[in-house]
């Protein structure tokens, strides 16, 4: 009996370990690598949380039903096997959550380092640098290497790493593109860095996610993901000589 329990527990731990490794790859249907990593982690945690919730609720309802007419309940007897089992199971679950979360949080596409810090991205030299500046009640996007500054749309290429340097000229704002999995505070006098890589072309809504005054609700813009050829054409048309 003990051997069977140990085997089942080991199998459960192995399944969790395999599932925990999956977030290292971006979700195939995601618009960006960042969104894929976050969505995958969310799904992995749901795979564990839902069965546990169902199990706990089933035990609760069963216990209430079985002892509903018990007018003289007795204290629960000590059961070391049961205590060891749920302690080990809890440790395995927490280990899974920790490993899966660490893989996502350690990704340069989720926790981007400042320029000059090793990022772990092989093609770091190909990373597009974009300065994002918030100001009541609009956005300015500057491409220092391409000599472009615009207040219209944030245009980025597909299948190329992009690093955003986000700051503010006045009050606290927040750069938020939900469909791309991007969010970062824009603080006056401070730069926050986030990195992503779009995996599909399209247009995404950009919001300010921090109340910044009476015009907060109108502080909107768009992020346009274009093919690399279309992006280069856009650069050629808009770059200042």
C-alpha atoms as a PDB file:
ATOM      1  CA  UNK A   1       0.000   0.000   0.000  1.00  0.00           C
ATOM      2  CA  UNK A   2       2.797   2.379   0.893  1.00  0.00           C
ATOM      3  CA  UNK A   3       4.519   1.563  -2.416  1.00  0.00           C
ATOM      4  CA  UNK A   4       1.391   2.453  -4.387  1.00  0.00           C
ATOM      5  CA  UNK A   5       1.006   5.755  -2.585  1.00  0.00           C
ATOM      6  CA  UNK A   6       4.639   6.619  -3.183  1.00  0.00           C
ATOM      7  CA  UNK A   7       4.287   5.724  -6.862  1.00  0.00           C
ATOM      8  CA  UNK A   8       1.154   7.862  -7.278  1.00  0.00           C
ATOM      9  CA  UNK A   9       2.779  10.769  -5.474  1.00  0.00           C
ATOM     10  CA  UNK A  10       5.887  10.481  -7.632  1.00  0.00           C
ATOM     11  CA  UNK A  11       3.768  10.372 -10.795  1.00  0.00           C
ATOM     12  CA  UNK A  12       1.863  13.447  -9.647  1.00  0.00           C
ATOM     13  CA  UNK A  13       5.117  15.306  -8.998  1.00  0.00           C
ATOM     14  CA  UNK A  14       6.484  14.301 -12.416  1.00  0.00           C
ATOM     15  CA  UNK A  15       3.352  15.566 -14.181  1.00  0.00           C
ATOM     16  CA  UNK A  16       3.621  18.874 -12.352  1.00  0.00           C
ATOM     17  CA  UNK A  17       7.286  19.179 -13.279  1.00  0.00           C
ATOM     18  CA  UNK A  18       6.533  18.591 -16.965  1.00  0.00           C
ATOM     19  CA  UNK A  19       3.668  21.088 -16.922  1.00  0.00           C
ATOM     20  CA  UNK A  20       5.849  23.637 -15.150  1.00  0.00           C
ATOM     21  CA  UNK A  21       8.343  23.600 -18.034  1.00  0.00           C
ATOM     22  CA  UNK A  22       5.734  24.523 -20.661  1.00  0.00           C
ATOM     23  CA  UNK A  23       5.622  28.271 -19.973  1.00  0.00           C
ATOM     24  CA  UNK A  24       9.156  28.570 -21.412  1.00  0.00           C
ATOM     25  CA  UNK A  25       7.576  28.528 -24.870  1.00  0.00           C
ATOM     26  CA  UNK A  26       5.208  31.255 -25.937  1.00  0.00           C
ATOM     27  CA  UNK A  27       1.576  30.378 -26.523  1.00  0.00           C
ATOM     28  CA  UNK A  28       1.083  29.642 -30.195  1.00  0.00           C
ATOM     29  CA  UNK A  29      -2.039  31.796 -30.548  1.00  0.00           C
ATOM     30  CA  UNK A  30      -0.643  34.839 -28.755  1.00  0.00           C
ATOM     31  CA  UNK A  31       0.010  38.191 -30.441  1.00  0.00           C
ATOM     32  CA  UNK A  32       3.306  38.653 -28.577  1.00  0.00           C
ATOM     33  CA  UNK A  33       5.811  36.464 -26.758  1.00  0.00           C
ATOM     34  CA  UNK A  34       4.967  38.383 -23.581  1.00  0.00           C
ATOM     35  CA  UNK A  35       1.270  37.645 -23.830  1.00  0.00           C
ATOM     36  CA  UNK A  36       1.999  34.000 -24.603  1.00  0.00           C
ATOM     37  CA  UNK A  37       4.165  33.546 -21.517  1.00  0.00           C
ATOM     38  CA  UNK A  38       1.617  35.170 -19.221  1.00  0.00           C
ATOM     39  CA  UNK A  39      -1.339  33.260 -20.699  1.00  0.00           C
ATOM     40  CA  UNK A  40       0.510  29.958 -20.496  1.00  0.00           C
ATOM     41  CA  UNK A  41       1.319  30.509 -16.828  1.00  0.00           C
ATOM     42  CA  UNK A  42      -2.289  31.413 -16.109  1.00  0.00           C
ATOM     43  CA  UNK A  43      -3.473  28.224 -17.814  1.00  0.00           C
ATOM     44  CA  UNK A  44      -0.929  26.069 -15.953  1.00  0.00           C
ATOM     45  CA  UNK A  45      -2.101  27.423 -12.608  1.00  0.00           C
ATOM     46  CA  UNK A  46      -5.730  26.830 -13.567  1.00  0.00           C
ATOM     47  CA  UNK A  47      -4.935  23.193 -14.403  1.00  0.00           C
ATOM     48  CA  UNK A  48      -3.877  22.776 -10.774  1.00  0.00           C
ATOM     49  CA  UNK A  49      -6.299  25.130  -9.023  1.00  0.00           C
ATOM     50  CA  UNK A  50      -9.513  23.792 -10.579  1.00  0.00           C
ATOM     51  CA  UNK A  51      -9.026  20.086  -9.614  1.00  0.00           C
ATOM     52  CA  UNK A  52      -7.934  21.079  -6.104  1.00  0.00           C
ATOM     53  CA  UNK A  53     -10.995  23.307  -5.721  1.00  0.00           C
ATOM     54  CA  UNK A  54     -13.310  20.542  -6.907  1.00  0.00           C
ATOM     55  CA  UNK A  55     -11.657  18.019  -4.568  1.00  0.00           C
ATOM     56  CA  UNK A  56     -11.893  20.283  -1.515  1.00  0.00           C
ATOM     57  CA  UNK A  57     -15.517  21.187  -2.220  1.00  0.00           C
ATOM     58  CA  UNK A  58     -16.409  17.524  -2.788  1.00  0.00           C
ATOM     59  CA  UNK A  59     -14.864  16.561   0.572  1.00  0.00           C
ATOM     60  CA  UNK A  60     -16.679  19.451   2.253  1.00  0.00           C
ATOM     61  CA  UNK A  61     -20.111  18.512   0.866  1.00  0.00           C
ATOM     62  CA  UNK A  62     -19.520  14.834   1.607  1.00  0.00           C
ATOM     63  CA  UNK A  63     -18.562  15.599   5.205  1.00  0.00           C
ATOM     64  CA  UNK A  64     -21.558  17.873   5.757  1.00  0.00           C
ATOM     65  CA  UNK A  65     -23.913  15.260   4.307  1.00  0.00           C
ATOM     66  CA  UNK A  66     -22.423  12.270   6.160  1.00  0.00           C
ATOM     67  CA  UNK A  67     -22.381  13.915   9.580  1.00  0.00           C
ATOM     68  CA  UNK A  68     -25.511  16.025   9.203  1.00  0.00           C
ATOM     69  CA  UNK A  69     -27.346  14.058  11.935  1.00  0.00           C
ATOM     70  CA  UNK A  70     -24.417  13.614  14.275  1.00  0.00           C
ATOM     71  CA  UNK A  71     -25.473  15.260  17.533  1.00  0.00           C
ATOM     72  CA  UNK A  72     -22.379  14.143  19.471  1.00  0.00           C
ATOM     73  CA  UNK A  73     -19.320  14.751  17.298  1.00  0.00           C
ATOM     74  CA  UNK A  74     -16.002  13.353  18.495  1.00  0.00           C
ATOM     75  CA  UNK A  75     -12.527  14.862  18.043  1.00  0.00           C
ATOM     76  CA  UNK A  76     -10.633  13.737  14.968  1.00  0.00           C
ATOM     77  CA  UNK A  77      -8.079  11.021  15.673  1.00  0.00           C
ATOM     78  CA  UNK A  78      -4.452  11.545  14.750  1.00  0.00           C
ATOM     79  CA  UNK A  79      -3.568  10.172  11.323  1.00  0.00           C
ATOM     80  CA  UNK A  80       0.117  10.589  10.554  1.00  0.00           C
ATOM     81  CA  UNK A  81      -0.162   9.100   7.080  1.00  0.00           C
ATOM     82  CA  UNK A  82      -2.842  11.585   6.132  1.00  0.00           C
ATOM     83  CA  UNK A  83      -0.864  14.512   7.585  1.00  0.00           C
ATOM     84  CA  UNK A  84       2.320  13.462   5.778  1.00  0.00           C
ATOM     85  CA  UNK A  85       0.405  12.959   2.533  1.00  0.00           C
ATOM     86  CA  UNK A  86      -1.190  16.397   2.470  1.00  0.00           C
ATOM     87  CA  UNK A  87       2.030  18.058   3.622  1.00  0.00           C
ATOM     88  CA  UNK A  88       4.017  16.470   0.789  1.00  0.00           C
ATOM     89  CA  UNK A  89       1.246  17.163  -1.740  1.00  0.00           C
ATOM     90  CA  UNK A  90       1.151  20.824  -0.690  1.00  0.00           C
ATOM     91  CA  UNK A  91       4.938  21.083  -0.990  1.00  0.00           C
ATOM     92  CA  UNK A  92       4.830  19.588  -4.494  1.00  0.00           C
ATOM     93  CA  UNK A  93       2.100  22.023  -5.572  1.00  0.00           C
ATOM     94  CA  UNK A  94       4.004  25.016  -4.187  1.00  0.00           C
ATOM     95  CA  UNK A  95       7.155  23.780  -5.917  1.00  0.00           C
ATOM     96  CA  UNK A  96       5.279  23.647  -9.204  1.00  0.00           C
ATOM     97  CA  UNK A  97       3.874  27.168  -8.735  1.00  0.00           C
ATOM     98  CA  UNK A  98       7.332  28.476  -7.859  1.00  0.00           C
ATOM     99  CA  UNK A  99       9.106  26.845 -10.816  1.00  0.00           C
ATOM    100  CA  UNK A 100       6.436  27.837 -13.338  1.00  0.00           C
ATOM    101  CA  UNK A 101       6.273  31.418 -12.054  1.00  0.00           C
ATOM    102  CA  UNK A 102      10.042  31.815 -11.944  1.00  0.00           C
ATOM    103  CA  UNK A 103      10.418  30.752 -15.575  1.00  0.00           C
ATOM    104  CA  UNK A 104       7.975  33.454 -16.655  1.00  0.00           C
ATOM    105  CA  UNK A 105       9.192  36.214 -14.330  1.00  0.00           C
ATOM    106  CA  UNK A 106      12.812  35.524 -15.268  1.00  0.00           C
ATOM    107  CA  UNK A 107      12.073  35.911 -18.974  1.00  0.00           C
ATOM    108  CA  UNK A 108      13.485  39.126 -20.498  1.00  0.00           C
ATOM    109  CA  UNK A 109      10.126  39.542 -22.238  1.00  0.00           C
ATOM    110  CA  UNK A 110       8.372  39.874 -18.863  1.00  0.00           C
ATOM    111  CA  UNK A 111      10.987  41.438 -16.582  1.00  0.00           C
ATOM    112  CA  UNK A 112      13.118  43.504 -18.921  1.00  0.00           C
ATOM    113  CA  UNK A 113      16.506  44.721 -17.741  1.00  0.00           C
ATOM    114  CA  UNK A 114      17.823  48.208 -18.284  1.00  0.00           C
ATOM    115  CA  UNK A 115      20.037  48.875 -21.320  1.00  0.00           C
ATOM    116  CA  UNK A 116      23.548  47.550 -20.839  1.00  0.00           C
ATOM    117  CA  UNK A 117      22.404  44.676 -18.608  1.00  0.00           C
ATOM    118  CA  UNK A 118      22.653  41.134 -19.998  1.00  0.00           C
ATOM    119  CA  UNK A 119      19.157  40.269 -21.224  1.00  0.00           C
ATOM    120  CA  UNK A 120      19.495  36.693 -22.402  1.00  0.00           C
ATOM    121  CA  UNK A 121      18.288  37.569 -25.908  1.00  0.00           C
ATOM    122  CA  UNK A 122      20.643  36.286 -28.572  1.00  0.00           C
ATOM    123  CA  UNK A 123      19.902  39.044 -31.098  1.00  0.00           C
ATOM    124  CA  UNK A 124      20.113  41.941 -28.633  1.00  0.00           C
ATOM    125  CA  UNK A 125      21.763  44.142 -31.263  1.00  0.00           C
ATOM    126  CA  UNK A 126      18.637  43.796 -33.412  1.00  0.00           C
ATOM    127  CA  UNK A 127      16.375  45.093 -30.637  1.00  0.00           C
ATOM    128  CA  UNK A 128      14.385  48.161 -31.676  1.00  0.00           C
ATOM    129  CA  UNK A 129      14.599  50.983 -29.115  1.00  0.00           C
ATOM    130  CA  UNK A 130      11.491  53.122 -28.609  1.00  0.00           C
ATOM    131  CA  UNK A 131      11.184  56.031 -26.195  1.00  0.00           C
ATOM    132  CA  UNK A 132       7.596  56.293 -24.898  1.00  0.00           C
ATOM    133  CA  UNK A 133       6.777  59.593 -23.199  1.00  0.00           C
ATOM    134  CA  UNK A 134       3.462  60.239 -21.446  1.00  0.00           C
ATOM    135  CA  UNK A 135       2.057  63.719 -20.895  1.00  0.00           C
ATOM    136  CA  UNK A 136      -1.406  64.955 -20.021  1.00  0.00           C
ATOM    137  CA  UNK A 137      -3.225  63.714 -22.077  1.00  0.00           C
ATOM    138  CA  UNK A 138      -1.328  61.972 -24.870  1.00  0.00           C
ATOM    139  CA  UNK A 139       1.655  59.890 -25.899  1.00  0.00           C
ATOM    140  CA  UNK A 140       4.842  60.641 -27.817  1.00  0.00           C
ATOM    141  CA  UNK A 141       6.876  57.876 -29.447  1.00  0.00           C
ATOM    142  CA  UNK A 142      10.501  58.457 -30.371  1.00  0.00           C
ATOM    143  CA  UNK A 143      12.760  56.124 -32.354  1.00  0.00           C
ATOM    144  CA  UNK A 144      16.279  57.461 -31.652  1.00  0.00           C
ATOM    145  CA  UNK A 145      18.090  55.147 -34.073  1.00  0.00           C
ATOM    146  CA  UNK A 146      15.644  55.909 -36.897  1.00  0.00           C
ATOM    147  CA  UNK A 147      15.404  59.635 -36.070  1.00  0.00           C
ATOM    148  CA  UNK A 148      11.594  59.531 -35.850  1.00  0.00           C
ATOM    149  CA  UNK A 149       9.230  61.203 -33.390  1.00  0.00           C
ATOM    150  CA  UNK A 150       5.461  60.861 -33.617  1.00  0.00           C
ATOM    151  CA  UNK A 151       2.346  61.366 -31.510  1.00  0.00           C
ATOM    152  CA  UNK A 152       0.072  59.309 -33.731  1.00  0.00           C
ATOM    153  CA  UNK A 153       0.480  55.529 -33.489  1.00  0.00           C
ATOM    154  CA  UNK A 154       3.211  53.380 -31.992  1.00  0.00           C
ATOM    155  CA  UNK A 155       4.476  51.356 -34.959  1.00  0.00           C
ATOM    156  CA  UNK A 156       6.650  48.271 -34.387  1.00  0.00           C
ATOM    157  CA  UNK A 157       7.822  45.418 -36.635  1.00  0.00           C
ATOM    158  CA  UNK A 158       6.737  41.812 -36.481  1.00  0.00           C
ATOM    159  CA  UNK A 159       9.210  39.132 -35.311  1.00  0.00           C
ATOM    160  CA  UNK A 160      11.735  41.598 -33.923  1.00  0.00           C
ATOM    161  CA  UNK A 161      12.500  42.344 -30.243  1.00  0.00           C
ATOM    162  CA  UNK A 162      11.382  45.795 -29.133  1.00  0.00           C
ATOM    163  CA  UNK A 163      12.367  47.568 -25.917  1.00  0.00           C
ATOM    164  CA  UNK A 164      10.264  50.456 -24.639  1.00  0.00           C
ATOM    165  CA  UNK A 165      11.801  53.142 -22.444  1.00  0.00           C
ATOM    166  CA  UNK A 166       8.751  54.552 -20.655  1.00  0.00           C
ATOM    167  CA  UNK A 167       8.680  57.852 -18.779  1.00  0.00           C
ATOM    168  CA  UNK A 168       6.450  60.861 -18.046  1.00  0.00           C
ATOM    169  CA  UNK A 169       6.828  64.615 -18.296  1.00  0.00           C
ATOM    170  CA  UNK A 170       4.300  65.585 -15.616  1.00  0.00           C
ATOM    171  CA  UNK A 171       2.287  63.176 -13.420  1.00  0.00           C
ATOM    172  CA  UNK A 172       2.097  59.407 -13.016  1.00  0.00           C
ATOM    173  CA  UNK A 173       0.665  57.583 -16.034  1.00  0.00           C
ATOM    174  CA  UNK A 174       0.638  53.890 -17.022  1.00  0.00           C
ATOM    175  CA  UNK A 175       1.452  52.373 -20.416  1.00  0.00           C
ATOM    176  CA  UNK A 176      -1.008  49.508 -20.934  1.00  0.00           C
ATOM    177  CA  UNK A 177      -1.654  47.344 -24.010  1.00  0.00           C
ATOM    178  CA  UNK A 178      -3.799  44.441 -22.692  1.00  0.00           C
ATOM    179  CA  UNK A 179      -3.916  42.399 -25.898  1.00  0.00           C
ATOM    180  CA  UNK A 180      -0.102  42.366 -26.026  1.00  0.00           C
ATOM    181  CA  UNK A 181       0.416  41.622 -22.335  1.00  0.00           C
ATOM    182  CA  UNK A 182       2.218  44.945 -21.741  1.00  0.00           C
ATOM    183  CA  UNK A 183       1.882  47.245 -18.744  1.00  0.00           C
ATOM    184  CA  UNK A 184       4.302  49.605 -17.006  1.00  0.00           C
ATOM    185  CA  UNK A 185       4.069  52.781 -14.951  1.00  0.00           C
ATOM    186  CA  UNK A 186       5.224  56.017 -16.565  1.00  0.00           C
ATOM    187  CA  UNK A 187       6.854  58.057 -13.804  1.00  0.00           C
ATOM    188  CA  UNK A 188       8.186  61.619 -14.084  1.00  0.00           C
ATOM    189  CA  UNK A 189      11.968  61.714 -13.985  1.00  0.00           C
ATOM    190  CA  UNK A 190      12.239  57.896 -14.083  1.00  0.00           C
ATOM    191  CA  UNK A 191      12.500  55.337 -16.867  1.00  0.00           C
ATOM    192  CA  UNK A 192      10.850  51.922 -16.793  1.00  0.00           C
ATOM    193  CA  UNK A 193      11.845  49.344 -19.399  1.00  0.00           C
ATOM    194  CA  UNK A 194       9.716  46.593 -20.878  1.00  0.00           C
ATOM    195  CA  UNK A 195      10.484  44.340 -23.822  1.00  0.00           C
ATOM    196  CA  UNK A 196       8.337  42.285 -26.164  1.00  0.00           C
ATOM    197  CA  UNK A 197       8.294  40.705 -29.601  1.00  0.00           C
ATOM    198  CA  UNK A 198       5.159  40.684 -31.720  1.00  0.00           C
ATOM    199  CA  UNK A 199       4.384  37.375 -33.415  1.00  0.00           C
ATOM    200  CA  UNK A 200       1.577  38.604 -35.665  1.00  0.00           C
ATOM    201  CA  UNK A 201       0.607  41.803 -37.444  1.00  0.00           C
ATOM    202  CA  UNK A 202      -2.381  43.826 -36.308  1.00  0.00           C
ATOM    203  CA  UNK A 203      -3.587  46.866 -34.373  1.00  0.00           C
ATOM    204  CA  UNK A 204      -3.844  47.013 -30.577  1.00  0.00           C
ATOM    205  CA  UNK A 205      -5.413  49.544 -28.213  1.00  0.00           C
ATOM    206  CA  UNK A 206      -3.082  51.511 -25.941  1.00  0.00           C
ATOM    207  CA  UNK A 207      -4.507  52.951 -22.720  1.00  0.00           C
ATOM    208  CA  UNK A 208      -3.321  55.025 -19.820  1.00  0.00           C
ATOM    209  CA  UNK A 209      -4.090  52.757 -16.845  1.00  0.00           C
ATOM    210  CA  UNK A 210      -3.389  55.308 -14.103  1.00  0.00           C
ATOM    211  CA  UNK A 211      -5.838  58.135 -13.378  1.00  0.00           C
ATOM    212  CA  UNK A 212      -4.000  61.287 -14.377  1.00  0.00           C
ATOM    213  CA  UNK A 213      -6.603  64.046 -14.530  1.00  0.00           C
ATOM    214  CA  UNK A 214      -9.817  65.095 -16.224  1.00  0.00           C
ATOM    215  CA  UNK A 215      -8.622  63.936 -19.661  1.00  0.00           C
ATOM    216  CA  UNK A 216      -7.552  60.483 -18.486  1.00  0.00           C
ATOM    217  CA  UNK A 217     -10.290  58.612 -20.365  1.00  0.00           C
ATOM    218  CA  UNK A 218      -9.212  60.221 -23.664  1.00  0.00           C
ATOM    219  CA  UNK A 219      -5.537  59.345 -23.236  1.00  0.00           C
ATOM    220  CA  UNK A 220      -5.612  56.644 -25.892  1.00  0.00           C
ATOM    221  CA  UNK A 221      -3.449  55.561 -28.785  1.00  0.00           C
ATOM    222  CA  UNK A 222      -2.834  52.478 -30.912  1.00  0.00           C
ATOM    223  CA  UNK A 223       0.021  50.045 -31.429  1.00  0.00           C
ATOM    224  CA  UNK A 224       0.418  48.940 -35.034  1.00  0.00           C
ATOM    225  CA  UNK A 225       2.386  45.762 -35.673  1.00  0.00           C
ATOM    226  CA  UNK A 226       3.566  45.658 -39.285  1.00  0.00           C
ATOM    227  CA  UNK A 227       5.642  43.225 -41.276  1.00  0.00           C
ATOM    228  CA  UNK A 228       9.337  44.050 -41.308  1.00  0.00           C
ATOM    229  CA  UNK A 229       9.104  45.230 -44.919  1.00  0.00           C
ATOM    230  CA  UNK A 230       6.147  47.526 -44.137  1.00  0.00           C
ATOM    231  CA  UNK A 231       7.875  48.817 -41.023  1.00  0.00           C
ATOM    232  CA  UNK A 232      10.990  49.682 -43.009  1.00  0.00           C
ATOM    233  CA  UNK A 233       8.829  51.515 -45.546  1.00  0.00           C
ATOM    234  CA  UNK A 234       7.224  53.457 -42.696  1.00  0.00           C
ATOM    235  CA  UNK A 235      10.698  54.334 -41.342  1.00  0.00           C
ATOM    236  CA  UNK A 236      11.837  55.540 -44.778  1.00  0.00           C
ATOM    237  CA  UNK A 237       8.760  57.743 -45.114  1.00  0.00           C
ATOM    238  CA  UNK A 238       8.919  59.287 -41.640  1.00  0.00           C
ATOM    239  CA  UNK A 239      12.603  59.529 -40.747  1.00  0.00           C
ATOM    240  CA  UNK A 240      13.966  63.043 -40.522  1.00  0.00           C
ATOM    241  CA  UNK A 241      17.021  63.749 -42.611  1.00  0.00           C
END
